[in-house]
Amino acid sequence: QVRLVESGGGLVQAGGSLRLSCAASGSIFSINFMGWYRQAPGKQRELVAIITSNSNISYADSVKGRFTISRDNIKNTVYLQMNSLKPEDTAVYYCYARRSDFIGSWGPGTQVTVSS
């Protein structure tokens, strides 16, 4: 089992920046990708960014050019640098990891609130 813990959320004004972190522990040897998803009130959970074990990266169109996903394999941590934040980025952000056997794990989530 993979355990994930997010940190770094908070309240920021529009145009500001935040960096989210996701630390993985447990059965991490078989993780083939990790990513960030978000869920705003009344909306479905949506993909924000993913990074694979060979460092292929994908972003949602809504965050391209503003958010950057990266990983530190020594610390088993994935980061999401969020710049030029907008009120519509307000959501609970969840870290996700999927193993090579297709078993996925979610973190508990961290709240990001962007004020206008």
Protein backbone atom coordinates (compact mmCIF):
# COMPACT_ATOMS: atom_id res chain seq x y z
CA GLN A 1 0.00 0.00 0.00
CA VAL A 2 1.15 3.53 -0.80
CA ARG A 3 0.52 6.26 1.73
CA LEU A 4 0.40 9.87 0.62
CA VAL A 5 0.47 13.06 2.66
CA GLU A 6 -0.03 16.48 1.10
CA SER A 7 1.08 19.81 2.52
CA GLY A 8 1.45 23.41 1.42
CA GLY A 9 -2.13 24.49 0.88
CA GLY A 10 -3.52 27.73 2.22
CA LEU A 11 -5.05 31.09 1.44
CA VAL A 12 -3.45 33.35 -1.15
CA GLN A 13 -4.49 36.41 -3.13
CA ALA A 14 -5.04 36.21 -6.86
CA GLY A 15 -1.73 36.41 -8.70
CA GLY A 16 0.12 34.78 -5.82
CA SER A 17 1.95 31.48 -5.58
CA LEU A 18 1.86 28.30 -3.52
CA ARG A 19 3.86 25.11 -3.59
CA LEU A 20 2.21 21.83 -2.70
CA SER A 21 4.16 18.79 -1.60
CA CYS A 22 3.16 15.13 -1.57
CA ALA A 23 5.29 12.68 0.37
CA ALA A 24 4.90 9.01 -0.48
CA SER A 25 5.70 6.09 1.79
CA GLY A 26 5.01 2.38 1.92
CA SER A 27 5.10 0.30 -1.28
CA ILE A 28 6.60 3.06 -3.40
CA PHE A 29 8.96 0.87 -5.43
CA SER A 30 6.29 0.07 -8.01
CA ILE A 31 4.79 3.55 -8.49
CA ASN A 32 4.71 4.36 -12.19
CA PHE A 33 3.08 7.73 -11.97
CA MET A 34 2.02 10.38 -9.51
CA GLY A 35 -0.16 13.36 -10.00
CA TRP A 36 -2.30 16.12 -8.63
CA TYR A 37 -6.06 16.36 -8.94
CA ARG A 38 -8.43 18.96 -7.57
CA GLN A 39 -12.07 19.20 -6.65
CA ALA A 40 -13.94 22.45 -6.29
CA PRO A 41 -17.27 22.64 -4.42
CA GLY A 42 -20.07 21.18 -6.52
CA LYS A 43 -17.71 19.98 -9.23
CA GLN A 44 -16.13 16.69 -10.19
CA ARG A 45 -12.55 15.88 -9.33
CA GLU A 46 -10.29 16.83 -12.24
CA LEU A 47 -6.73 16.16 -13.30
CA VAL A 48 -4.27 19.00 -12.76
CA ALA A 49 -0.89 17.46 -13.61
CA ILE A 50 0.83 14.09 -13.70
CA ILE A 51 4.44 12.94 -13.87
CA THR A 52 5.48 9.42 -14.80
CA SER A 53 8.38 7.36 -13.53
CA ASN A 54 10.35 8.30 -16.66
CA SER A 55 9.47 11.98 -16.14
CA ASN A 56 6.83 12.39 -18.82
CA ILE A 57 4.58 15.26 -17.76
CA SER A 58 1.05 16.31 -18.65
CA TYR A 59 -0.99 19.31 -17.54
CA ALA A 60 -4.61 20.31 -17.73
CA ASP A 61 -5.08 23.10 -20.26
CA SER A 62 -6.36 25.40 -17.51
CA VAL A 63 -3.02 25.35 -15.65
CA LYS A 64 -0.49 25.15 -18.49
CA GLY A 65 2.13 27.87 -18.19
CA ARG A 66 1.20 28.57 -14.57
CA PHE A 67 1.73 25.29 -12.70
CA THR A 68 4.81 23.06 -12.66
CA ILE A 69 4.95 19.48 -11.42
CA SER A 70 8.24 17.95 -10.33
CA ARG A 71 9.52 15.03 -8.31
CA ASP A 72 12.37 14.28 -5.94
CA ASN A 73 13.05 10.55 -6.16
CA ILE A 74 15.36 10.59 -3.14
CA LYS A 75 12.70 12.13 -0.92
CA ASN A 76 9.85 10.23 -2.63
CA THR A 77 8.06 13.54 -2.94
CA VAL A 78 6.14 15.21 -5.73
CA TYR A 79 5.67 18.96 -5.87
CA LEU A 80 3.22 21.28 -7.57
CA GLN A 81 4.44 24.84 -7.97
CA MET A 82 1.43 27.05 -8.61
CA ASN A 83 2.01 30.58 -9.90
CA SER A 84 -0.35 33.30 -11.09
CA LEU A 85 -3.14 31.75 -9.07
CA LYS A 86 -6.73 32.61 -9.96
CA PRO A 87 -9.91 32.40 -7.86
CA GLU A 88 -11.04 29.51 -10.09
CA ASP A 89 -8.04 27.51 -8.83
CA THR A 90 -9.74 27.32 -5.44
CA ALA A 91 -10.27 23.65 -4.61
CA VAL A 92 -9.13 20.76 -2.48
CA TYR A 93 -5.99 19.41 -4.10
CA TYR A 94 -5.36 15.67 -3.91
CA CYS A 95 -2.19 13.74 -4.56
CA TYR A 96 -2.55 10.46 -6.44
CA ALA A 97 -0.12 7.61 -7.04
CA ARG A 98 -0.62 4.56 -9.21
CA ARG A 99 1.44 1.41 -9.03
CA SER A 100 2.43 -0.80 -11.93
CA ASP A 101 -0.33 -3.23 -10.86
CA PHE A 102 -2.82 -0.39 -11.45
CA ILE A 103 -3.64 0.02 -7.77
CA GLY A 104 -4.05 3.70 -6.96
CA SER A 105 -3.84 5.64 -3.73
CA TRP A 106 -5.12 9.07 -2.76
CA GLY A 107 -3.93 11.50 -0.17
CA PRO A 108 -6.40 13.17 2.22
CA GLY A 109 -6.21 16.46 0.31
CA THR A 110 -5.12 20.01 1.05
CA GLN A 111 -7.26 23.13 0.67
CA VAL A 112 -6.16 25.90 -1.67
CA THR A 113 -8.16 29.11 -1.55
CA VAL A 114 -7.46 32.01 -3.89
CA SER A 115 -9.12 35.31 -3.01
CA SER A 116 -9.94 37.93 -5.61
